[in-house]
Amino acid sequence: MSEIKQKVSQQIRDARKAQGMTLKQLGEKLGVAESTVSLYESGNQNLTIETLQKVADALNVDITTFFK
């Protein structure tokens, strides 16, 4: 897994956990299964910029948060 992909995945997980949100809750906000969110967070699912923006919106963070 690329370093960028790994960092983005970790930032998604960190942002979700910082809000006390479960995988299921984030999945419901995104309209995807809990297992899909798990794939996002493990880096096993490639994310389009559109999907990444949806994740950022669901977590109420700026998309740039995922690239810090």
N, C-alpha and C. Protein backbone atom coordinates (compact mmCIF):
# COMPACT_ATOMS: atom_id res chain seq x y z
N MET A 1 0.85 -1.17 0.00
CA MET A 1 0.00 0.00 0.00
C MET A 1 0.89 1.24 0.00
N SER A 2 0.48 2.21 -0.80
CA SER A 2 1.29 3.43 -0.87
C SER A 2 1.21 4.20 0.45
N GLU A 3 2.22 5.01 0.67
CA GLU A 3 2.28 5.80 1.90
C GLU A 3 1.10 6.78 1.98
N ILE A 4 0.75 7.39 0.87
CA ILE A 4 -0.36 8.35 0.86
C ILE A 4 -1.67 7.64 1.19
N LYS A 5 -1.90 6.51 0.54
CA LYS A 5 -3.12 5.75 0.77
C LYS A 5 -3.23 5.33 2.24
N GLN A 6 -2.11 4.92 2.81
CA GLN A 6 -2.08 4.50 4.21
C GLN A 6 -2.41 5.69 5.12
N LYS A 7 -1.83 6.86 4.83
CA LYS A 7 -2.08 8.04 5.66
C LYS A 7 -3.54 8.50 5.56
N VAL A 8 -4.09 8.50 4.34
CA VAL A 8 -5.48 8.91 4.16
C VAL A 8 -6.40 7.96 4.93
N SER A 9 -6.15 6.67 4.80
CA SER A 9 -6.97 5.68 5.51
C SER A 9 -6.92 5.90 7.02
N GLN A 10 -5.73 6.15 7.54
CA GLN A 10 -5.57 6.38 8.98
C GLN A 10 -6.27 7.67 9.40
N GLN A 11 -6.20 8.70 8.58
CA GLN A 11 -6.86 9.97 8.92
C GLN A 11 -8.38 9.82 8.94
N ILE A 12 -8.92 9.01 8.03
CA ILE A 12 -10.37 8.75 8.04
C ILE A 12 -10.74 8.07 9.35
N ARG A 13 -9.99 7.04 9.72
CA ARG A 13 -10.26 6.31 10.96
C ARG A 13 -10.15 7.25 12.18
N ASP A 14 -9.09 8.04 12.21
CA ASP A 14 -8.88 8.95 13.34
C ASP A 14 -10.00 9.98 13.46
N ALA A 15 -10.44 10.53 12.32
CA ALA A 15 -11.52 11.52 12.34
C ALA A 15 -12.83 10.90 12.81
N ARG A 16 -13.09 9.67 12.36
CA ARG A 16 -14.32 8.99 12.78
C ARG A 16 -14.29 8.71 14.28
N LYS A 17 -13.19 8.18 14.76
CA LYS A 17 -13.08 7.85 16.18
C LYS A 17 -13.10 9.10 17.06
N ALA A 18 -12.51 10.19 16.58
CA ALA A 18 -12.50 11.44 17.35
C ALA A 18 -13.92 11.94 17.60
N GLN A 19 -14.83 11.58 16.72
CA GLN A 19 -16.23 11.98 16.88
C GLN A 19 -17.06 10.92 17.58
N GLY A 20 -16.43 9.83 17.97
CA GLY A 20 -17.15 8.77 18.67
C GLY A 20 -18.13 8.05 17.77
N MET A 21 -17.84 8.04 16.48
CA MET A 21 -18.73 7.44 15.50
C MET A 21 -18.28 6.01 15.19
N THR A 22 -19.24 5.11 15.04
CA THR A 22 -18.92 3.73 14.68
C THR A 22 -18.83 3.60 13.17
N LEU A 23 -18.26 2.48 12.74
CA LEU A 23 -18.22 2.19 11.30
C LEU A 23 -19.63 2.18 10.72
N LYS A 24 -20.55 1.60 11.46
CA LYS A 24 -21.94 1.50 11.00
C LYS A 24 -22.56 2.89 10.85
N GLN A 25 -22.33 3.76 11.83
CA GLN A 25 -22.90 5.10 11.76
C GLN A 25 -22.36 5.88 10.57
N LEU A 26 -21.06 5.79 10.33
CA LEU A 26 -20.48 6.48 9.18
C LEU A 26 -21.02 5.88 7.88
N GLY A 27 -21.13 4.58 7.84
CA GLY A 27 -21.70 3.92 6.66
C GLY A 27 -23.11 4.40 6.37
N GLU A 28 -23.91 4.56 7.42
CA GLU A 28 -25.28 5.04 7.24
C GLU A 28 -25.29 6.46 6.67
N LYS A 29 -24.38 7.30 7.15
CA LYS A 29 -24.30 8.67 6.64
C LYS A 29 -23.87 8.68 5.17
N LEU A 30 -23.03 7.74 4.79
CA LEU A 30 -22.53 7.68 3.43
C LEU A 30 -23.42 6.86 2.49
N GLY A 31 -24.33 6.09 3.07
CA GLY A 31 -25.18 5.23 2.26
C GLY A 31 -24.46 4.00 1.75
N VAL A 32 -23.48 3.53 2.54
CA VAL A 32 -22.73 2.32 2.19
C VAL A 32 -22.72 1.38 3.39
N ALA A 33 -22.32 0.15 3.16
CA ALA A 33 -22.25 -0.84 4.22
C ALA A 33 -21.09 -0.55 5.17
N GLU A 34 -21.24 -1.01 6.39
CA GLU A 34 -20.18 -0.91 7.40
C GLU A 34 -18.88 -1.52 6.87
N SER A 35 -19.00 -2.63 6.16
CA SER A 35 -17.81 -3.31 5.63
C SER A 35 -17.09 -2.43 4.59
N THR A 36 -17.84 -1.61 3.87
CA THR A 36 -17.22 -0.71 2.90
C THR A 36 -16.40 0.35 3.61
N VAL A 37 -16.94 0.90 4.70
CA VAL A 37 -16.19 1.89 5.48
C VAL A 37 -14.93 1.24 6.04
N SER A 38 -15.03 0.01 6.47
CA SER A 38 -13.87 -0.71 6.97
C SER A 38 -12.80 -0.84 5.87
N LEU A 39 -13.23 -1.07 4.64
CA LEU A 39 -12.29 -1.14 3.52
C LEU A 39 -11.61 0.21 3.29
N TYR A 40 -12.38 1.30 3.42
CA TYR A 40 -11.80 2.64 3.29
C TYR A 40 -10.70 2.84 4.32
N GLU A 41 -11.00 2.45 5.56
CA GLU A 41 -10.08 2.69 6.67
C GLU A 41 -8.86 1.77 6.66
N SER A 42 -9.00 0.63 6.03
CA SER A 42 -7.87 -0.30 5.96
C SER A 42 -7.01 -0.04 4.72
N GLY A 43 -7.50 0.82 3.83
CA GLY A 43 -6.77 1.11 2.61
C GLY A 43 -6.96 0.07 1.53
N ASN A 44 -7.92 -0.81 1.71
CA ASN A 44 -8.17 -1.87 0.75
C ASN A 44 -9.22 -1.51 -0.30
N GLN A 45 -9.66 -0.26 -0.29
CA GLN A 45 -10.63 0.23 -1.27
C GLN A 45 -10.10 1.55 -1.81
N ASN A 46 -9.95 1.64 -3.10
CA ASN A 46 -9.53 2.89 -3.71
C ASN A 46 -10.67 3.89 -3.62
N LEU A 47 -10.35 5.11 -3.22
CA LEU A 47 -11.36 6.15 -3.07
C LEU A 47 -11.21 7.19 -4.17
N THR A 48 -12.33 7.51 -4.79
CA THR A 48 -12.32 8.63 -5.73
C THR A 48 -12.33 9.91 -4.92
N ILE A 49 -12.01 11.00 -5.55
CA ILE A 49 -12.02 12.28 -4.86
C ILE A 49 -13.46 12.61 -4.43
N GLU A 50 -14.44 12.20 -5.23
CA GLU A 50 -15.84 12.43 -4.87
C GLU A 50 -16.22 11.67 -3.61
N THR A 51 -15.79 10.42 -3.50
CA THR A 51 -16.07 9.63 -2.30
C THR A 51 -15.36 10.21 -1.10
N LEU A 52 -14.13 10.62 -1.29
CA LEU A 52 -13.37 11.21 -0.20
C LEU A 52 -14.06 12.49 0.29
N GLN A 53 -14.62 13.27 -0.62
CA GLN A 53 -15.35 14.48 -0.22
C GLN A 53 -16.60 14.11 0.55
N LYS A 54 -17.30 13.05 0.17
CA LYS A 54 -18.49 12.59 0.89
C LYS A 54 -18.11 12.17 2.31
N VAL A 55 -16.98 11.48 2.44
CA VAL A 55 -16.51 11.07 3.76
C VAL A 55 -16.20 12.30 4.60
N ALA A 56 -15.52 13.26 4.02
CA ALA A 56 -15.20 14.50 4.74
C ALA A 56 -16.47 15.21 5.19
N ASP A 57 -17.45 15.30 4.30
CA ASP A 57 -18.72 15.95 4.64
C ASP A 57 -19.43 15.21 5.77
N ALA A 58 -19.44 13.89 5.70
CA ALA A 58 -20.12 13.08 6.72
C ALA A 58 -19.44 13.23 8.08
N LEU A 59 -18.13 13.49 8.06
CA LEU A 59 -17.38 13.64 9.30
C LEU A 59 -17.24 15.11 9.72
N ASN A 60 -17.81 16.00 8.91
CA ASN A 60 -17.74 17.43 9.18
C ASN A 60 -16.31 17.95 9.32
N VAL A 61 -15.47 17.48 8.39
CA VAL A 61 -14.08 17.94 8.34
C VAL A 61 -13.77 18.41 6.92
N ASP A 62 -12.75 19.21 6.80
CA ASP A 62 -12.28 19.64 5.48
C ASP A 62 -11.54 18.47 4.84
N ILE A 63 -11.69 18.30 3.56
CA ILE A 63 -11.05 17.17 2.87
C ILE A 63 -9.53 17.18 3.05
N THR A 64 -8.95 18.35 3.24
CA THR A 64 -7.50 18.43 3.43
C THR A 64 -7.04 17.76 4.72
N THR A 65 -7.97 17.54 5.64
CA THR A 65 -7.66 16.84 6.90
C THR A 65 -7.04 15.47 6.62
N PHE A 66 -7.48 14.83 5.57
CA PHE A 66 -7.02 13.49 5.26
C PHE A 66 -5.59 13.44 4.71
N PHE A 67 -5.04 14.60 4.39
CA PHE A 67 -3.71 14.65 3.79
C PHE A 67 -2.65 15.24 4.71
N LYS A 68 -2.98 15.40 5.99
CA LYS A 68 -2.03 15.97 6.94
C LYS A 68 -1.06 14.92 7.43
